[in-house]
Structure formats: structure tokens, C-alpha cells
Amino acid sequence: MKAQESLQQLKKIFQTNNQQIKRREKNMTEKTIKKEIAEKARKDENTIFIGNKPPMSYVLAVVTQFNSIGSDGVSIKARGSAISRAVDTAEIVKNRFMKNVTVKNIITSTEIMTNEDGRSSNVSSIEINLINNKKAM
């Protein structure tokens, strides 16, 4: 009888420990997920997506982002026909408004887009990364 009671007590202890471990693992994964989301939001915060507006609208957004606290770099992204506006935006920021900004790197790629008809087509994309040299030093 005592052996069975001991076994039951041990089972309860193991179950309790397993539940505690599972709770800790769940909390750790939730913290990790929240941390990743915060990192992604911070990255997206420093990204300007170029669309159909005039380049000066995006220049204002880039300059505002550079002047915000803790921003030492801004990424400008565009696809398709907006690529020329992205290049114009980067050059206007660099040459007219912020002389201390330089191009860190330029990444070009091709994205496969699916139409409403179900056909796929290739769309060019560009990412221009600008850095502020005064803040970096």
C-alpha cells in the first residue's frame, strides 16, 4: 500500500514539475516572440516604402526619420516603376538636405508577383540604405 501511495505522490510531483516547465517554456517563447516583433517594428520604423506620391513627400519622411532620436540609418524600398522615385528621393536627401548622409548599400532583386488572373510576373525591387555619418562617428 505504501509503495503505491509513494508512486502516486511521485507522479503528482512529476506532473507538477512538468506543468511548471511547460509554463516557463511558454513564457520564454512568448518573450522571444515579443522581442522579435519589437525588433521587426524597429526595422520597419526605419523603412520608407516608395509609392506614387511625388519624391519630395518621401524626402520629408526620410529627413524626419533621420532627425528622430536614435535613428542612424534609413532604408528606402520600392518596386517596379517606383524605383526611379526611390533613387530620386535618395539623391535629393543626400545632395540637398543632408550633406552628411551617404549610401551604405543598394540591394536589387526580383520578386515574383501573382496577378488576379493567376499569372505570375517578375517585378524588380530596390532597397537603398542610407546612413548618417555624423551620428555614426
N, C-alpha and C. Protein backbone atom coordinates (compact mmCIF):
# COMPACT_ATOMS: atom_id res chain seq x y z
N MET A 1 0.81 -1.19 0.00
CA MET A 1 0.00 0.00 0.00
C MET A 1 0.87 1.26 0.00
N LYS A 2 1.87 1.26 0.88
CA LYS A 2 2.72 2.44 0.98
C LYS A 2 3.49 2.67 -0.31
N ALA A 3 3.87 1.60 -0.98
CA ALA A 3 4.61 1.74 -2.24
C ALA A 3 3.73 2.40 -3.29
N GLN A 4 2.45 2.02 -3.35
CA GLN A 4 1.54 2.64 -4.32
C GLN A 4 1.31 4.11 -4.00
N GLU A 5 1.16 4.44 -2.73
CA GLU A 5 1.00 5.84 -2.33
C GLU A 5 2.24 6.64 -2.68
N SER A 6 3.39 6.07 -2.47
CA SER A 6 4.65 6.75 -2.81
C SER A 6 4.73 6.99 -4.31
N LEU A 7 4.34 5.97 -5.09
CA LEU A 7 4.33 6.12 -6.55
C LEU A 7 3.37 7.22 -6.98
N GLN A 8 2.21 7.29 -6.39
CA GLN A 8 1.23 8.32 -6.73
C GLN A 8 1.75 9.71 -6.36
N GLN A 9 2.40 9.81 -5.22
CA GLN A 9 2.97 11.10 -4.82
C GLN A 9 4.07 11.53 -5.79
N LEU A 10 4.91 10.58 -6.18
CA LEU A 10 5.96 10.88 -7.15
C LEU A 10 5.36 11.32 -8.48
N LYS A 11 4.31 10.64 -8.93
CA LYS A 11 3.64 11.01 -10.18
C LYS A 11 3.10 12.44 -10.10
N LYS A 12 2.50 12.78 -8.96
CA LYS A 12 1.97 14.14 -8.77
C LYS A 12 3.09 15.16 -8.82
N ILE A 13 4.21 14.83 -8.18
CA ILE A 13 5.36 15.75 -8.18
C ILE A 13 5.88 15.93 -9.60
N PHE A 14 6.02 14.84 -10.34
CA PHE A 14 6.50 14.93 -11.72
C PHE A 14 5.53 15.72 -12.59
N GLN A 15 4.23 15.50 -12.41
CA GLN A 15 3.23 16.24 -13.18
C GLN A 15 3.31 17.73 -12.87
N THR A 16 3.45 18.05 -11.59
CA THR A 16 3.56 19.45 -11.19
C THR A 16 4.81 20.07 -11.80
N ASN A 17 5.93 19.36 -11.75
CA ASN A 17 7.18 19.87 -12.33
C ASN A 17 7.04 20.05 -13.84
N ASN A 18 6.43 19.08 -14.51
CA ASN A 18 6.22 19.19 -15.95
C ASN A 18 5.34 20.39 -16.30
N GLN A 19 4.30 20.61 -15.51
CA GLN A 19 3.43 21.76 -15.75
C GLN A 19 4.20 23.06 -15.57
N GLN A 20 5.03 23.13 -14.53
CA GLN A 20 5.83 24.33 -14.29
C GLN A 20 6.81 24.56 -15.44
N ILE A 21 7.45 23.49 -15.90
CA ILE A 21 8.40 23.60 -17.01
C ILE A 21 7.67 24.08 -18.26
N LYS A 22 6.51 23.53 -18.54
CA LYS A 22 5.74 23.94 -19.72
C LYS A 22 5.36 25.42 -19.63
N ARG A 23 4.95 25.87 -18.44
CA ARG A 23 4.62 27.28 -18.25
C ARG A 23 5.83 28.17 -18.51
N ARG A 24 6.99 27.76 -17.98
CA ARG A 24 8.22 28.53 -18.20
C ARG A 24 8.58 28.58 -19.68
N GLU A 25 8.48 27.43 -20.36
CA GLU A 25 8.77 27.39 -21.79
C GLU A 25 7.82 28.29 -22.56
N LYS A 26 6.55 28.27 -22.20
CA LYS A 26 5.56 29.11 -22.87
C LYS A 26 5.89 30.58 -22.66
N ASN A 27 6.24 30.95 -21.42
CA ASN A 27 6.61 32.34 -21.13
C ASN A 27 7.85 32.74 -21.91
N MET A 28 8.83 31.84 -21.99
CA MET A 28 10.06 32.15 -22.72
C MET A 28 9.76 32.35 -24.20
N THR A 29 8.91 31.48 -24.78
CA THR A 29 8.60 31.64 -26.19
C THR A 29 7.79 32.92 -26.42
N GLU A 30 6.89 33.25 -25.51
CA GLU A 30 6.13 34.50 -25.65
C GLU A 30 7.07 35.69 -25.59
N LYS A 31 8.04 35.66 -24.66
CA LYS A 31 9.00 36.76 -24.56
C LYS A 31 9.84 36.85 -25.82
N THR A 32 10.27 35.71 -26.34
CA THR A 32 11.06 35.69 -27.56
C THR A 32 10.26 36.23 -28.73
N ILE A 33 9.02 35.83 -28.84
CA ILE A 33 8.16 36.31 -29.93
C ILE A 33 7.96 37.82 -29.81
N LYS A 34 7.69 38.30 -28.60
CA LYS A 34 7.51 39.74 -28.40
C LYS A 34 8.77 40.50 -28.77
N LYS A 35 9.93 39.94 -28.40
CA LYS A 35 11.20 40.58 -28.72
C LYS A 35 11.41 40.66 -30.22
N GLU A 36 11.09 39.57 -30.94
CA GLU A 36 11.22 39.55 -32.39
C GLU A 36 10.28 40.55 -33.05
N ILE A 37 9.06 40.64 -32.54
CA ILE A 37 8.09 41.60 -33.09
C ILE A 37 8.58 43.03 -32.87
N ALA A 38 9.12 43.30 -31.70
CA ALA A 38 9.64 44.64 -31.42
C ALA A 38 10.81 44.97 -32.34
N GLU A 39 11.69 43.99 -32.58
CA GLU A 39 12.82 44.21 -33.49
C GLU A 39 12.34 44.50 -34.90
N LYS A 40 11.35 43.74 -35.36
CA LYS A 40 10.82 43.93 -36.70
C LYS A 40 10.15 45.30 -36.82
N ALA A 41 9.43 45.70 -35.77
CA ALA A 41 8.79 47.01 -35.79
C ALA A 41 9.83 48.11 -35.86
N ARG A 42 10.94 47.93 -35.14
CA ARG A 42 12.01 48.92 -35.17
C ARG A 42 12.62 49.00 -36.56
N LYS A 43 12.79 47.85 -37.22
CA LYS A 43 13.32 47.83 -38.57
C LYS A 43 12.36 48.52 -39.53
N ASP A 44 11.07 48.17 -39.42
CA ASP A 44 10.07 48.78 -40.29
C ASP A 44 9.94 50.27 -40.03
N GLU A 45 10.23 50.68 -38.80
CA GLU A 45 10.15 52.10 -38.45
C GLU A 45 11.17 52.90 -39.25
N ASN A 46 12.31 52.31 -39.55
CA ASN A 46 13.36 53.00 -40.30
C ASN A 46 13.28 52.72 -41.79
N THR A 47 12.15 52.22 -42.26
CA THR A 47 11.96 51.91 -43.67
C THR A 47 10.90 52.82 -44.27
N ILE A 48 11.24 53.39 -45.41
CA ILE A 48 10.30 54.23 -46.16
C ILE A 48 9.93 53.46 -47.42
N PHE A 49 8.64 53.17 -47.60
CA PHE A 49 8.17 52.48 -48.79
C PHE A 49 7.71 53.51 -49.81
N ILE A 50 8.28 53.46 -51.00
CA ILE A 50 8.01 54.44 -52.04
C ILE A 50 6.81 53.97 -52.87
N GLY A 51 5.90 54.92 -53.12
CA GLY A 51 4.70 54.63 -53.91
C GLY A 51 4.55 55.61 -55.05
N ASN A 52 3.35 56.18 -55.20
CA ASN A 52 3.04 57.06 -56.33
C ASN A 52 3.09 58.55 -56.02
N LYS A 53 3.40 58.90 -54.79
CA LYS A 53 3.49 60.33 -54.43
C LYS A 53 4.73 60.96 -55.07
N PRO A 54 4.78 62.29 -55.10
CA PRO A 54 5.99 62.95 -55.60
C PRO A 54 7.18 62.67 -54.69
N PRO A 55 8.39 62.71 -55.24
CA PRO A 55 9.58 62.39 -54.44
C PRO A 55 9.75 63.25 -53.19
N MET A 56 9.33 64.51 -53.24
CA MET A 56 9.52 65.39 -52.08
C MET A 56 8.73 64.91 -50.86
N SER A 57 7.64 64.22 -51.06
CA SER A 57 6.89 63.65 -49.93
C SER A 57 7.74 62.62 -49.20
N TYR A 58 8.45 61.82 -49.96
CA TYR A 58 9.30 60.79 -49.37
C TYR A 58 10.58 61.39 -48.80
N VAL A 59 11.07 62.46 -49.42
CA VAL A 59 12.25 63.16 -48.88
C VAL A 59 11.93 63.66 -47.48
N LEU A 60 10.76 64.25 -47.30
CA LEU A 60 10.34 64.73 -45.98
C LEU A 60 10.30 63.57 -44.98
N ALA A 61 9.79 62.43 -45.39
CA ALA A 61 9.72 61.27 -44.50
C ALA A 61 11.12 60.79 -44.11
N VAL A 62 12.05 60.76 -45.06
CA VAL A 62 13.42 60.32 -44.78
C VAL A 62 14.11 61.28 -43.84
N VAL A 63 14.00 62.58 -44.11
CA VAL A 63 14.65 63.58 -43.25
C VAL A 63 14.05 63.53 -41.85
N THR A 64 12.74 63.38 -41.74
CA THR A 64 12.09 63.26 -40.43
C THR A 64 12.61 62.03 -39.70
N GLN A 65 12.76 60.93 -40.40
CA GLN A 65 13.25 59.71 -39.77
C GLN A 65 14.69 59.88 -39.29
N PHE A 66 15.53 60.54 -40.07
CA PHE A 66 16.90 60.79 -39.64
C PHE A 66 16.96 61.69 -38.42
N ASN A 67 16.05 62.65 -38.33
CA ASN A 67 16.06 63.58 -37.21
C ASN A 67 15.42 63.02 -35.95
N SER A 68 14.77 61.88 -36.07
CA SER A 68 14.18 61.28 -34.88
C SER A 68 15.30 60.72 -34.01
N ILE A 69 15.02 60.58 -32.72
CA ILE A 69 16.03 60.15 -31.76
C ILE A 69 16.46 58.72 -32.04
N GLY A 70 17.76 58.50 -32.10
CA GLY A 70 18.31 57.16 -32.22
C GLY A 70 18.31 56.57 -33.62
N SER A 71 17.98 57.35 -34.63
CA SER A 71 17.95 56.81 -35.99
C SER A 71 19.25 57.19 -36.69
N ASP A 72 20.10 56.19 -36.96
CA ASP A 72 21.34 56.46 -37.67
C ASP A 72 21.31 55.95 -39.10
N GLY A 73 20.24 55.27 -39.48
CA GLY A 73 20.11 54.77 -40.84
C GLY A 73 18.66 54.66 -41.26
N VAL A 74 18.42 54.85 -42.55
CA VAL A 74 17.08 54.74 -43.11
C VAL A 74 17.16 53.88 -44.36
N SER A 75 16.17 53.03 -44.53
CA SER A 75 16.09 52.16 -45.70
C SER A 75 14.94 52.64 -46.58
N ILE A 76 15.22 52.81 -47.86
CA ILE A 76 14.20 53.22 -48.83
C ILE A 76 13.92 52.02 -49.72
N LYS A 77 12.65 51.59 -49.81
CA LYS A 77 12.30 50.42 -50.60
C LYS A 77 11.27 50.80 -51.66
N ALA A 78 11.42 50.20 -52.85
CA ALA A 78 10.47 50.45 -53.93
C ALA A 78 10.43 49.25 -54.86
N ARG A 79 9.31 49.15 -55.60
CA ARG A 79 9.15 48.10 -56.61
C ARG A 79 8.66 48.72 -57.91
N GLY A 80 9.04 48.08 -59.00
CA GLY A 80 8.52 48.45 -60.31
C GLY A 80 8.84 49.87 -60.72
N SER A 81 7.80 50.59 -61.17
CA SER A 81 8.01 51.95 -61.68
C SER A 81 8.35 52.96 -60.59
N ALA A 82 8.22 52.58 -59.34
CA ALA A 82 8.56 53.48 -58.23
C ALA A 82 10.06 53.49 -57.94
N ILE A 83 10.82 52.63 -58.61
CA ILE A 83 12.26 52.57 -58.37
C ILE A 83 12.93 53.91 -58.69
N SER A 84 12.52 54.54 -59.77
CA SER A 84 13.14 55.83 -60.13
C SER A 84 12.84 56.89 -59.08
N ARG A 85 11.63 56.87 -58.48
CA ARG A 85 11.30 57.81 -57.40
C ARG A 85 12.15 57.53 -56.17
N ALA A 86 12.45 56.26 -55.90
CA ALA A 86 13.29 55.90 -54.76
C ALA A 86 14.70 56.45 -54.95
N VAL A 87 15.24 56.30 -56.16
CA VAL A 87 16.57 56.83 -56.45
C VAL A 87 16.56 58.35 -56.35
N ASP A 88 15.53 58.99 -56.90
CA ASP A 88 15.40 60.45 -56.80
C ASP A 88 15.35 60.89 -55.34
N THR A 89 14.57 60.18 -54.53
CA THR A 89 14.45 60.52 -53.11
C THR A 89 15.80 60.44 -52.41
N ALA A 90 16.53 59.36 -52.64
CA ALA A 90 17.84 59.19 -52.00
C ALA A 90 18.80 60.29 -52.43
N GLU A 91 18.81 60.62 -53.71
CA GLU A 91 19.73 61.64 -54.21
C GLU A 91 19.37 63.03 -53.70
N ILE A 92 18.08 63.35 -53.62
CA ILE A 92 17.66 64.66 -53.11
C ILE A 92 18.05 64.79 -51.64
N VAL A 93 17.81 63.74 -50.86
CA VAL A 93 18.18 63.78 -49.43
C VAL A 93 19.68 63.97 -49.30
N LYS A 94 20.43 63.22 -50.07
CA LYS A 94 21.89 63.21 -49.96
C LYS A 94 22.51 64.53 -50.44
N ASN A 95 22.00 65.11 -51.51
CA ASN A 95 22.65 66.27 -52.12
C ASN A 95 22.08 67.62 -51.67
N ARG A 96 20.82 67.68 -51.30
CA ARG A 96 20.21 68.97 -50.98
C ARG A 96 19.98 69.19 -49.49
N PHE A 97 19.52 68.16 -48.78
CA PHE A 97 19.05 68.36 -47.42
C PHE A 97 20.03 67.91 -46.35
N MET A 98 20.66 66.80 -46.55
CA MET A 98 21.56 66.27 -45.52
C MET A 98 22.87 65.85 -46.19
N LYS A 99 23.83 66.76 -46.17
CA LYS A 99 25.11 66.52 -46.85
C LYS A 99 25.92 65.40 -46.19
N ASN A 100 25.65 65.11 -44.92
CA ASN A 100 26.41 64.09 -44.18
C ASN A 100 25.86 62.68 -44.37
N VAL A 101 24.84 62.52 -45.18
CA VAL A 101 24.25 61.20 -45.44
C VAL A 101 24.93 60.57 -46.65
N THR A 102 25.26 59.28 -46.51
CA THR A 102 25.83 58.55 -47.64
C THR A 102 25.05 57.25 -47.85
N VAL A 103 25.24 56.70 -49.02
CA VAL A 103 24.59 55.43 -49.35
C VAL A 103 25.46 54.31 -48.78
N LYS A 104 24.88 53.53 -47.90
CA LYS A 104 25.61 52.38 -47.31
C LYS A 104 25.67 51.24 -48.32
N ASN A 105 24.52 50.86 -48.84
CA ASN A 105 24.48 49.83 -49.89
C ASN A 105 23.16 49.90 -50.64
N ILE A 106 23.15 49.27 -51.80
CA ILE A 106 21.95 49.20 -52.63
C ILE A 106 21.73 47.73 -52.96
N ILE A 107 20.51 47.27 -52.70
CA ILE A 107 20.17 45.87 -52.96
C ILE A 107 19.07 45.84 -54.02
N THR A 108 19.34 45.15 -55.11
CA THR A 108 18.32 44.97 -56.14
C THR A 108 17.90 43.51 -56.16
N SER A 109 16.63 43.28 -56.48
CA SER A 109 16.14 41.90 -56.54
C SER A 109 14.92 41.84 -57.44
N THR A 110 14.48 40.64 -57.70
CA THR A 110 13.28 40.41 -58.49
C THR A 110 12.29 39.62 -57.64
N GLU A 111 11.08 40.12 -57.58
CA GLU A 111 10.02 39.45 -56.83
C GLU A 111 9.00 38.88 -57.81
N ILE A 112 8.53 37.69 -57.54
CA ILE A 112 7.52 37.07 -58.40
C ILE A 112 6.15 37.41 -57.84
N MET A 113 5.36 38.12 -58.61
CA MET A 113 4.02 38.54 -58.20
C MET A 113 2.99 37.73 -58.98
N THR A 114 1.89 37.40 -58.31
CA THR A 114 0.80 36.67 -58.97
C THR A 114 -0.36 37.63 -59.22
N ASN A 115 -0.81 37.70 -60.46
CA ASN A 115 -1.93 38.56 -60.84
C ASN A 115 -3.24 37.97 -60.33
N GLU A 116 -4.32 38.75 -60.47
CA GLU A 116 -5.64 38.24 -60.12
C GLU A 116 -6.04 37.10 -61.06
N ASP A 117 -5.48 37.11 -62.28
CA ASP A 117 -5.77 36.05 -63.26
C ASP A 117 -5.05 34.76 -62.91
N GLY A 118 -4.12 34.81 -61.99
CA GLY A 118 -3.35 33.62 -61.63
C GLY A 118 -2.01 33.54 -62.33
N ARG A 119 -1.74 34.50 -63.21
CA ARG A 119 -0.45 34.51 -63.91
C ARG A 119 0.61 35.13 -63.00
N SER A 120 1.83 34.65 -63.15
CA SER A 120 2.91 35.23 -62.35
C SER A 120 3.78 36.10 -63.25
N SER A 121 4.27 37.19 -62.67
CA SER A 121 5.15 38.08 -63.41
C SER A 121 6.28 38.54 -62.49
N ASN A 122 7.40 38.87 -63.08
CA ASN A 122 8.56 39.33 -62.33
C ASN A 122 8.50 40.84 -62.14
N VAL A 123 8.74 41.30 -60.93
CA VAL A 123 8.76 42.72 -60.62
C VAL A 123 10.09 43.05 -59.97
N SER A 124 10.78 44.03 -60.52
CA SER A 124 12.05 44.44 -59.94
C SER A 124 11.82 45.22 -58.67
N SER A 125 12.76 45.10 -57.73
CA SER A 125 12.66 45.88 -56.49
C SER A 125 14.05 46.37 -56.11
N ILE A 126 14.06 47.43 -55.30
CA ILE A 126 15.32 48.03 -54.86
C ILE A 126 15.20 48.42 -53.40
N GLU A 127 16.31 48.31 -52.69
CA GLU A 127 16.40 48.80 -51.31
C GLU A 127 17.67 49.63 -51.23
N ILE A 128 17.52 50.89 -50.87
CA ILE A 128 18.65 51.81 -50.73
C ILE A 128 18.81 52.12 -49.25
N ASN A 129 19.95 51.76 -48.69
CA ASN A 129 20.22 52.00 -47.27
C ASN A 129 21.10 53.24 -47.13
N LEU A 130 20.58 54.22 -46.42
CA LEU A 130 21.32 55.46 -46.17
C LEU A 130 21.78 55.50 -44.72
N ILE A 131 22.98 56.04 -44.48
CA ILE A 131 23.45 56.21 -43.11
C ILE A 131 23.88 57.65 -42.90
N ASN A 132 23.73 58.09 -41.67
CA ASN A 132 24.11 59.44 -41.27
C ASN A 132 25.52 59.36 -40.70
N ASN A 133 26.51 59.96 -41.38
CA ASN A 133 27.90 59.86 -40.97
C ASN A 133 28.20 60.60 -39.69
N LYS A 134 27.53 61.71 -39.42
CA LYS A 134 27.81 62.46 -38.19
C LYS A 134 27.43 61.67 -36.95
N LYS A 135 26.29 60.96 -37.00
CA LYS A 135 25.85 60.18 -35.84
C LYS A 135 26.68 58.91 -35.69
N ALA A 136 27.20 58.38 -36.81
CA ALA A 136 27.95 57.14 -36.75
C ALA A 136 29.32 57.34 -36.11
N MET A 137 29.87 58.53 -36.20
CA MET A 137 31.21 58.79 -35.67
C MET A 137 31.22 59.00 -34.19
